[in-house]
């Protein structure tokens, strides 16, 4: 009886380590997004380079957390809810790693733009970044607390990011049509906006997996079924 209690306690601790690991990975990616945008707003290319270097930590932690989940599956043979949690954790971990890649892409584009005269005030890009970071935080909170309503809110927030991305595209298109000299800078800003839109896609993917974990139902293709996803 004592041995069974010890084993159960250790198993619960291992599950907690996975949850804590996801929250830590989420904090790293939120920081990467914030730093990448600040490197553009403050024209600080050193900060952008730091984002690129720090992505190695996100990649390493991704591999470590995935190994931990696979070990749990192999040694503990979880069933029902625990099985869905671990399967969800693997998927969510993958989304977070991809978000780190998107932050690197933004930082790389910021370095290029920082060498050029600023085309326009950056208003909507910071809004997009703030929303996506909040989506990541709330998606992970929803997972830890098994909160379906919060996950639904994350899924809805993606529409706001999509709208801002389209708004930026239309505005920059006007710049390019009026002055061909702006084309290079405008295209790079569009790429930054697109990366933020893709981060929102991944945050929504986290929320989708949370709903699956809690309810056992897949909602991944319920909204935006025809959205074209690029690979990073």
C-alpha atoms as a PDB file:
ATOM      1  CA  UNK A   1       0.000   0.000   0.000  1.00  0.00           C
ATOM      2  CA  UNK A   2       2.834   2.369   0.914  1.00  0.00           C
ATOM      3  CA  UNK A   3       4.611   1.592  -2.381  1.00  0.00           C
ATOM      4  CA  UNK A   4       1.441   2.286  -4.405  1.00  0.00           C
ATOM      5  CA  UNK A   5       0.974   5.633  -2.652  1.00  0.00           C
ATOM      6  CA  UNK A   6       4.606   6.542  -3.363  1.00  0.00           C
ATOM      7  CA  UNK A   7       4.279   5.599  -7.035  1.00  0.00           C
ATOM      8  CA  UNK A   8       1.061   7.603  -7.403  1.00  0.00           C
ATOM      9  CA  UNK A   9       2.667  10.626  -5.756  1.00  0.00           C
ATOM     10  CA  UNK A  10       5.660  10.405  -8.076  1.00  0.00           C
ATOM     11  CA  UNK A  11       3.372  10.104 -11.107  1.00  0.00           C
ATOM     12  CA  UNK A  12       1.434  13.205 -10.069  1.00  0.00           C
ATOM     13  CA  UNK A  13       4.711  15.056  -9.636  1.00  0.00           C
ATOM     14  CA  UNK A  14       5.788  14.054 -13.154  1.00  0.00           C
ATOM     15  CA  UNK A  15       2.504  15.331 -14.587  1.00  0.00           C
ATOM     16  CA  UNK A  16       2.984  18.585 -12.675  1.00  0.00           C
ATOM     17  CA  UNK A  17       6.479  18.930 -14.141  1.00  0.00           C
ATOM     18  CA  UNK A  18       5.001  18.731 -17.640  1.00  0.00           C
ATOM     19  CA  UNK A  19       2.438  21.448 -16.804  1.00  0.00           C
ATOM     20  CA  UNK A  20       5.115  23.662 -15.273  1.00  0.00           C
ATOM     21  CA  UNK A  21       7.343  23.037 -18.271  1.00  0.00           C
ATOM     22  CA  UNK A  22       4.657  24.201 -20.672  1.00  0.00           C
ATOM     23  CA  UNK A  23       4.102  27.370 -18.650  1.00  0.00           C
ATOM     24  CA  UNK A  24       7.841  28.047 -18.673  1.00  0.00           C
ATOM     25  CA  UNK A  25       8.053  27.447 -22.416  1.00  0.00           C
ATOM     26  CA  UNK A  26       5.078  29.758 -22.874  1.00  0.00           C
ATOM     27  CA  UNK A  27       6.820  32.490 -20.885  1.00  0.00           C
ATOM     28  CA  UNK A  28       9.901  32.123 -23.087  1.00  0.00           C
ATOM     29  CA  UNK A  29       7.885  32.500 -26.275  1.00  0.00           C
ATOM     30  CA  UNK A  30       5.913  35.474 -24.925  1.00  0.00           C
ATOM     31  CA  UNK A  31       9.197  37.170 -24.059  1.00  0.00           C
ATOM     32  CA  UNK A  32      10.569  36.395 -27.536  1.00  0.00           C
ATOM     33  CA  UNK A  33       7.566  38.036 -29.221  1.00  0.00           C
ATOM     34  CA  UNK A  34       7.793  41.087 -26.963  1.00  0.00           C
ATOM     35  CA  UNK A  35      11.544  41.488 -27.530  1.00  0.00           C
ATOM     36  CA  UNK A  36      11.262  40.995 -31.279  1.00  0.00           C
ATOM     37  CA  UNK A  37       8.636  43.756 -31.541  1.00  0.00           C
ATOM     38  CA  UNK A  38      10.537  46.074 -29.228  1.00  0.00           C
ATOM     39  CA  UNK A  39      13.641  45.594 -31.347  1.00  0.00           C
ATOM     40  CA  UNK A  40      11.635  47.037 -34.242  1.00  0.00           C
ATOM     41  CA  UNK A  41       9.892  49.821 -32.325  1.00  0.00           C
ATOM     42  CA  UNK A  42      13.105  50.908 -30.595  1.00  0.00           C
ATOM     43  CA  UNK A  43      15.283  50.211 -33.659  1.00  0.00           C
ATOM     44  CA  UNK A  44      17.442  48.023 -31.437  1.00  0.00           C
ATOM     45  CA  UNK A  45      19.100  45.373 -33.587  1.00  0.00           C
ATOM     46  CA  UNK A  46      21.126  44.033 -30.652  1.00  0.00           C
ATOM     47  CA  UNK A  47      17.859  43.087 -28.962  1.00  0.00           C
ATOM     48  CA  UNK A  48      16.735  41.378 -32.169  1.00  0.00           C
ATOM     49  CA  UNK A  49      19.951  39.365 -32.273  1.00  0.00           C
ATOM     50  CA  UNK A  50      19.341  38.318 -28.666  1.00  0.00           C
ATOM     51  CA  UNK A  51      15.952  36.904 -29.688  1.00  0.00           C
ATOM     52  CA  UNK A  52      17.675  34.831 -32.364  1.00  0.00           C
ATOM     53  CA  UNK A  53      20.271  33.504 -29.913  1.00  0.00           C
ATOM     54  CA  UNK A  54      17.697  32.785 -27.179  1.00  0.00           C
ATOM     55  CA  UNK A  55      15.683  30.610 -29.570  1.00  0.00           C
ATOM     56  CA  UNK A  56      18.219  27.845 -28.869  1.00  0.00           C
ATOM     57  CA  UNK A  57      16.795  27.681 -25.320  1.00  0.00           C
ATOM     58  CA  UNK A  58      13.265  27.268 -26.679  1.00  0.00           C
ATOM     59  CA  UNK A  59      14.413  24.524 -29.065  1.00  0.00           C
ATOM     60  CA  UNK A  60      16.337  22.691 -26.337  1.00  0.00           C
ATOM     61  CA  UNK A  61      13.444  22.884 -23.894  1.00  0.00           C
ATOM     62  CA  UNK A  62      11.070  21.681 -26.609  1.00  0.00           C
ATOM     63  CA  UNK A  63      13.145  18.510 -27.037  1.00  0.00           C
ATOM     64  CA  UNK A  64      13.471  18.005 -23.268  1.00  0.00           C
ATOM     65  CA  UNK A  65       9.744  18.379 -22.650  1.00  0.00           C
ATOM     66  CA  UNK A  66       8.813  16.095 -25.521  1.00  0.00           C
ATOM     67  CA  UNK A  67      11.169  13.411 -24.175  1.00  0.00           C
ATOM     68  CA  UNK A  68       9.560  13.750 -20.753  1.00  0.00           C
ATOM     69  CA  UNK A  69       6.089  13.246 -22.249  1.00  0.00           C
ATOM     70  CA  UNK A  70       7.185  10.223 -24.283  1.00  0.00           C
ATOM     71  CA  UNK A  71       8.791   8.690 -21.196  1.00  0.00           C
ATOM     72  CA  UNK A  72       5.531   9.164 -19.286  1.00  0.00           C
ATOM     73  CA  UNK A  73       3.613   7.436 -22.068  1.00  0.00           C
ATOM     74  CA  UNK A  74       6.048   4.527 -22.166  1.00  0.00           C
ATOM     75  CA  UNK A  75       6.565   3.944 -18.455  1.00  0.00           C
ATOM     76  CA  UNK A  76       3.279   5.031 -16.886  1.00  0.00           C
ATOM     77  CA  UNK A  77       0.870   3.865 -19.607  1.00  0.00           C
ATOM     78  CA  UNK A  78      -1.668   6.587 -18.725  1.00  0.00           C
ATOM     79  CA  UNK A  79      -5.322   6.121 -19.565  1.00  0.00           C
ATOM     80  CA  UNK A  80      -8.340   8.318 -20.300  1.00  0.00           C
ATOM     81  CA  UNK A  81      -7.877  11.939 -19.154  1.00  0.00           C
ATOM     82  CA  UNK A  82      -4.159  11.638 -18.352  1.00  0.00           C
ATOM     83  CA  UNK A  83      -3.528  10.141 -21.767  1.00  0.00           C
ATOM     84  CA  UNK A  84      -5.293  13.054 -23.450  1.00  0.00           C
ATOM     85  CA  UNK A  85      -3.355  15.509 -21.287  1.00  0.00           C
ATOM     86  CA  UNK A  86       0.025  14.091 -22.277  1.00  0.00           C
ATOM     87  CA  UNK A  87      -0.948  13.862 -25.952  1.00  0.00           C
ATOM     88  CA  UNK A  88      -2.136  17.475 -25.746  1.00  0.00           C
ATOM     89  CA  UNK A  89       1.078  18.545 -24.014  1.00  0.00           C
ATOM     90  CA  UNK A  90       3.154  17.152 -26.894  1.00  0.00           C
ATOM     91  CA  UNK A  91       1.058  19.067 -29.428  1.00  0.00           C
ATOM     92  CA  UNK A  92       1.074  22.283 -27.401  1.00  0.00           C
ATOM     93  CA  UNK A  93       4.833  22.039 -26.936  1.00  0.00           C
ATOM     94  CA  UNK A  94       5.189  21.822 -30.715  1.00  0.00           C
ATOM     95  CA  UNK A  95       3.032  24.929 -31.189  1.00  0.00           C
ATOM     96  CA  UNK A  96       5.197  26.846 -28.716  1.00  0.00           C
ATOM     97  CA  UNK A  97       8.386  25.840 -30.516  1.00  0.00           C
ATOM     98  CA  UNK A  98       6.913  27.079 -33.801  1.00  0.00           C
ATOM     99  CA  UNK A  99       5.932  30.355 -32.142  1.00  0.00           C
ATOM    100  CA  UNK A 100       9.572  30.761 -31.116  1.00  0.00           C
ATOM    101  CA  UNK A 101      10.520  30.339 -34.772  1.00  0.00           C
ATOM    102  CA  UNK A 102       8.040  33.058 -35.753  1.00  0.00           C
ATOM    103  CA  UNK A 103       9.580  35.431 -33.188  1.00  0.00           C
ATOM    104  CA  UNK A 104      12.999  34.769 -34.741  1.00  0.00           C
ATOM    105  CA  UNK A 105      11.589  35.581 -38.171  1.00  0.00           C
ATOM    106  CA  UNK A 106      10.271  38.886 -36.834  1.00  0.00           C
ATOM    107  CA  UNK A 107      13.634  39.699 -35.239  1.00  0.00           C
ATOM    108  CA  UNK A 108      15.444  38.977 -38.504  1.00  0.00           C
ATOM    109  CA  UNK A 109      13.089  41.296 -40.395  1.00  0.00           C
ATOM    110  CA  UNK A 110      13.516  43.972 -37.706  1.00  0.00           C
ATOM    111  CA  UNK A 111      17.285  43.961 -38.239  1.00  0.00           C
ATOM    112  CA  UNK A 112      16.729  44.686 -41.938  1.00  0.00           C
ATOM    113  CA  UNK A 113      14.173  47.441 -41.322  1.00  0.00           C
ATOM    114  CA  UNK A 114      16.324  49.092 -38.677  1.00  0.00           C
ATOM    115  CA  UNK A 115      18.878  49.865 -41.393  1.00  0.00           C
ATOM    116  CA  UNK A 116      16.266  51.765 -43.438  1.00  0.00           C
ATOM    117  CA  UNK A 117      14.313  54.978 -42.844  1.00  0.00           C
ATOM    118  CA  UNK A 118      11.071  54.127 -41.073  1.00  0.00           C
ATOM    119  CA  UNK A 119       8.242  53.850 -43.584  1.00  0.00           C
ATOM    120  CA  UNK A 120       5.350  54.581 -41.220  1.00  0.00           C
ATOM    121  CA  UNK A 121       4.490  54.623 -37.505  1.00  0.00           C
ATOM    122  CA  UNK A 122       4.068  51.112 -36.139  1.00  0.00           C
ATOM    123  CA  UNK A 123       0.595  51.108 -34.598  1.00  0.00           C
ATOM    124  CA  UNK A 124      -1.161  47.872 -35.505  1.00  0.00           C
ATOM    125  CA  UNK A 125       1.893  45.597 -35.225  1.00  0.00           C
ATOM    126  CA  UNK A 126       2.259  46.200 -31.446  1.00  0.00           C
ATOM    127  CA  UNK A 127      -1.479  45.588 -31.046  1.00  0.00           C
ATOM    128  CA  UNK A 128      -1.136  42.287 -32.875  1.00  0.00           C
ATOM    129  CA  UNK A 129       1.831  41.313 -30.709  1.00  0.00           C
ATOM    130  CA  UNK A 130      -0.033  42.158 -27.488  1.00  0.00           C
ATOM    131  CA  UNK A 131      -3.051  40.100 -28.553  1.00  0.00           C
ATOM    132  CA  UNK A 132      -0.969  37.083 -29.584  1.00  0.00           C
ATOM    133  CA  UNK A 133       0.989  37.097 -26.334  1.00  0.00           C
ATOM    134  CA  UNK A 134      -2.254  37.224 -24.379  1.00  0.00           C
ATOM    135  CA  UNK A 135      -3.626  34.367 -26.501  1.00  0.00           C
ATOM    136  CA  UNK A 136      -0.626  32.201 -25.611  1.00  0.00           C
ATOM    137  CA  UNK A 137      -0.918  33.004 -21.901  1.00  0.00           C
ATOM    138  CA  UNK A 138      -4.668  32.374 -21.797  1.00  0.00           C
ATOM    139  CA  UNK A 139      -4.351  29.197 -23.872  1.00  0.00           C
ATOM    140  CA  UNK A 140      -1.889  27.734 -21.379  1.00  0.00           C
ATOM    141  CA  UNK A 141      -3.965  28.940 -18.420  1.00  0.00           C
ATOM    142  CA  UNK A 142      -6.966  27.214 -20.007  1.00  0.00           C
ATOM    143  CA  UNK A 143      -4.956  24.004 -20.261  1.00  0.00           C
ATOM    144  CA  UNK A 144      -3.764  24.033 -16.669  1.00  0.00           C
ATOM    145  CA  UNK A 145      -7.230  24.911 -15.334  1.00  0.00           C
ATOM    146  CA  UNK A 146      -9.135  22.797 -17.903  1.00  0.00           C
ATOM    147  CA  UNK A 147     -11.148  25.904 -18.776  1.00  0.00           C
ATOM    148  CA  UNK A 148     -13.066  25.422 -22.030  1.00  0.00           C
ATOM    149  CA  UNK A 149     -14.642  28.899 -21.975  1.00  0.00           C
ATOM    150  CA  UNK A 150     -11.201  30.513 -21.774  1.00  0.00           C
ATOM    151  CA  UNK A 151      -9.993  28.322 -24.637  1.00  0.00           C
ATOM    152  CA  UNK A 152     -12.987  29.477 -26.683  1.00  0.00           C
ATOM    153  CA  UNK A 153     -12.042  33.091 -25.986  1.00  0.00           C
ATOM    154  CA  UNK A 154      -8.556  32.428 -27.335  1.00  0.00           C
ATOM    155  CA  UNK A 155     -10.011  30.934 -30.497  1.00  0.00           C
ATOM    156  CA  UNK A 156     -12.218  33.991 -31.019  1.00  0.00           C
ATOM    157  CA  UNK A 157      -9.291  36.401 -30.539  1.00  0.00           C
ATOM    158  CA  UNK A 158      -7.667  35.007 -33.690  1.00  0.00           C
ATOM    159  CA  UNK A 159     -10.269  36.875 -35.760  1.00  0.00           C
ATOM    160  CA  UNK A 160      -9.029  40.206 -34.389  1.00  0.00           C
ATOM    161  CA  UNK A 161      -5.452  39.399 -35.374  1.00  0.00           C
ATOM    162  CA  UNK A 162      -6.583  38.316 -38.836  1.00  0.00           C
ATOM    163  CA  UNK A 163      -8.435  41.615 -39.249  1.00  0.00           C
ATOM    164  CA  UNK A 164      -5.392  43.657 -38.246  1.00  0.00           C
ATOM    165  CA  UNK A 165      -3.209  41.677 -40.645  1.00  0.00           C
ATOM    166  CA  UNK A 166      -5.588  42.431 -43.514  1.00  0.00           C
ATOM    167  CA  UNK A 167      -5.711  46.101 -42.524  1.00  0.00           C
ATOM    168  CA  UNK A 168      -1.911  46.359 -42.563  1.00  0.00           C
ATOM    169  CA  UNK A 169      -1.780  44.629 -45.954  1.00  0.00           C
ATOM    170  CA  UNK A 170      -4.251  47.097 -47.499  1.00  0.00           C
ATOM    171  CA  UNK A 171      -2.452  50.115 -46.030  1.00  0.00           C
ATOM    172  CA  UNK A 172       0.963  48.963 -47.242  1.00  0.00           C
ATOM    173  CA  UNK A 173      -0.416  48.131 -50.660  1.00  0.00           C
ATOM    174  CA  UNK A 174      -1.425  51.798 -50.970  1.00  0.00           C
ATOM    175  CA  UNK A 175       2.109  52.871 -50.047  1.00  0.00           C
ATOM    176  CA  UNK A 176       3.608  50.621 -52.720  1.00  0.00           C
ATOM    177  CA  UNK A 177       1.219  51.795 -55.410  1.00  0.00           C
ATOM    178  CA  UNK A 178       1.916  55.460 -54.661  1.00  0.00           C
ATOM    179  CA  UNK A 179       5.707  55.146 -54.400  1.00  0.00           C
ATOM    180  CA  UNK A 180       7.665  52.141 -55.757  1.00  0.00           C
ATOM    181  CA  UNK A 181      10.597  53.107 -53.513  1.00  0.00           C
ATOM    182  CA  UNK A 182       8.608  51.878 -50.525  1.00  0.00           C
ATOM    183  CA  UNK A 183       8.073  48.365 -51.898  1.00  0.00           C
ATOM    184  CA  UNK A 184      11.027  46.686 -50.173  1.00  0.00           C
ATOM    185  CA  UNK A 185      10.214  48.085 -46.717  1.00  0.00           C
ATOM    186  CA  UNK A 186       6.495  47.513 -47.156  1.00  0.00           C
ATOM    187  CA  UNK A 187       7.001  43.860 -48.075  1.00  0.00           C
ATOM    188  CA  UNK A 188       9.151  43.269 -44.987  1.00  0.00           C
ATOM    189  CA  UNK A 189       6.512  44.861 -42.738  1.00  0.00           C
ATOM    190  CA  UNK A 190       3.905  42.610 -44.389  1.00  0.00           C
ATOM    191  CA  UNK A 191       6.083  39.609 -43.535  1.00  0.00           C
ATOM    192  CA  UNK A 192       6.260  40.687 -39.889  1.00  0.00           C
ATOM    193  CA  UNK A 193       2.484  41.071 -39.816  1.00  0.00           C
ATOM    194  CA  UNK A 194       2.093  37.645 -41.407  1.00  0.00           C
ATOM    195  CA  UNK A 195       4.350  36.092 -38.782  1.00  0.00           C
ATOM    196  CA  UNK A 196       2.199  37.578 -36.034  1.00  0.00           C
ATOM    197  CA  UNK A 197      -0.885  36.233 -37.778  1.00  0.00           C
ATOM    198  CA  UNK A 198       0.720  32.794 -37.857  1.00  0.00           C
ATOM    199  CA  UNK A 199       1.561  33.060 -34.146  1.00  0.00           C
ATOM    200  CA  UNK A 200      -2.152  33.634 -33.565  1.00  0.00           C
ATOM    201  CA  UNK A 201      -2.833  30.484 -35.615  1.00  0.00           C
ATOM    202  CA  UNK A 202      -0.563  28.503 -33.302  1.00  0.00           C
ATOM    203  CA  UNK A 203      -2.147  30.048 -30.196  1.00  0.00           C
ATOM    204  CA  UNK A 204      -5.547  29.034 -31.532  1.00  0.00           C
ATOM    205  CA  UNK A 205      -4.106  25.555 -32.113  1.00  0.00           C
ATOM    206  CA  UNK A 206      -3.213  25.414 -28.418  1.00  0.00           C
ATOM    207  CA  UNK A 207      -6.788  26.355 -27.508  1.00  0.00           C
ATOM    208  CA  UNK A 208      -8.134  23.709 -29.906  1.00  0.00           C
ATOM    209  CA  UNK A 209      -6.043  21.059 -28.166  1.00  0.00           C
ATOM    210  CA  UNK A 210      -7.251  22.211 -24.745  1.00  0.00           C
ATOM    211  CA  UNK A 211     -10.849  21.683 -25.815  1.00  0.00           C
ATOM    212  CA  UNK A 212      -9.920  18.224 -27.077  1.00  0.00           C
ATOM    213  CA  UNK A 213      -8.168  17.429 -23.800  1.00  0.00           C
ATOM    214  CA  UNK A 214     -11.152  18.443 -21.663  1.00  0.00           C
ATOM    215  CA  UNK A 215     -14.048  17.235 -23.811  1.00  0.00           C
ATOM    216  CA  UNK A 216     -12.507  14.588 -26.054  1.00  0.00           C
ATOM    217  CA  UNK A 217     -13.922  16.438 -29.086  1.00  0.00           C
ATOM    218  CA  UNK A 218     -11.794  17.788 -31.935  1.00  0.00           C
ATOM    219  CA  UNK A 219     -12.624  21.354 -33.008  1.00  0.00           C
ATOM    220  CA  UNK A 220      -9.478  22.054 -35.017  1.00  0.00           C
ATOM    221  CA  UNK A 221     -11.330  22.489 -38.312  1.00  0.00           C
ATOM    222  CA  UNK A 222     -14.441  24.171 -36.970  1.00  0.00           C
ATOM    223  CA  UNK A 223     -13.215  27.673 -37.854  1.00  0.00           C
ATOM    224  CA  UNK A 224     -11.083  28.816 -40.809  1.00  0.00           C
ATOM    225  CA  UNK A 225     -10.991  25.371 -42.367  1.00  0.00           C
ATOM    226  CA  UNK A 226      -9.462  26.684 -45.584  1.00  0.00           C
ATOM    227  CA  UNK A 227      -6.750  28.824 -43.995  1.00  0.00           C
ATOM    228  CA  UNK A 228      -3.454  28.326 -45.780  1.00  0.00           C
ATOM    229  CA  UNK A 229      -0.657  27.497 -43.325  1.00  0.00           C
ATOM    230  CA  UNK A 230       2.962  28.064 -44.312  1.00  0.00           C
ATOM    231  CA  UNK A 231       5.771  26.050 -42.835  1.00  0.00           C
ATOM    232  CA  UNK A 232       8.404  28.101 -41.037  1.00  0.00           C
END
